[in-house]
Structure formats: C-alpha cells, structure tokens
C-alpha cells in the first residue's frame, strides 16, 4: 500500500483510519477536509479543487480519506492515482451514532474539526451539517461504492471492504507499524 484512499459515509471512521495507515506506512497524510474547507466553513470552489489535488497526489506515497464519487473530477483523480481503496461499509446505525457523538463532543468542547473549523449548535439545522449529510448520503454513497468495487477498471487496485469495526481491527493488526 502506497497510495491509499479510505472511503465511506460520514461517521464511518475514515479520517482516523487514514491517519493511522499513513503513520504506520510512513507516508504523507492528505487531509481531504482541510484541503477543501476554508476557515468559517467556506469551501474551495469546485472548479479550483482539481488544481489543489493534482500536485498533492502527483508524486510519492500518500493516504487520504473522503469520497470517490464519479461526478467529481478531483475525486476521480484520487481514485486514478490510488493503489489501494478501503471502503468502510458499516451499518447506518453505527455511522449515525458516530456522527452524533462526534458532533456533540466537538460542539461542547469547541474542538476543531473538518480542517480548523469549530461546530456550533446553530449549525445543526444546516442541510450541510454532518448529521444531515450522514443520513442523506449513506445509501447514495453505498450505491456508488458498490459500483466502484465491481467496476473492472479498478481490478488492478487493492480493494478492501470492511463491514464491521471488528474485522477492520483484525486487519489493522496485520498492517506494519
């Protein structure tokens, strides 16, 4: 594993896993959220994202987390350059519990998340909030990743799918430290 993309719905544990794999493999970690989210929850415009990810993923080994949706060229760039894709296909109840816990923890402690942004109570009603996105994106992402994993064009990649934290933990024990 040299170029790793960890994918899954919000709350699946993409970021902690990608960071841990990068640490264990001795490769760069590319913080997907910090790359596209600016301070005050502003987002880098979509038309500028390719220019951000192209040089970040061109050379060397790296690990990142996010989504690899077919309609987004910067996400397809990550897919084309990755040699390993890890799909955290956990049950919806598990991912939603994680999103709610993370939101409450970050809101109460004022802990920075998603780059250097801090969540607030008023954000809970936003259609862009991770709780809302966690619910609405779950099945569309699952459908997208099912297609991605069955696409013959991705046969040369190492494709790993974990449906439980237990199986992920057992596998992680085998990854070099």
Foldseek 3Di string as FASTA:
>chain_A
DFAEEEEAFAQLCRVVVQVVLCVQVVHAEDEPLQQQADEPRDGDDLVCLLVSQCVVLVDTGYTYYDAQFPVRVSSVVSLVRGQEYEYSLEDLVNSLVRLVVVLVVQQVVVQADSNRYGDHPVCVPPCPRSNNRSVVVRVVRVVRVVCVVVDPVSVSHHYHYDHDPVVVVVVVVVRGD
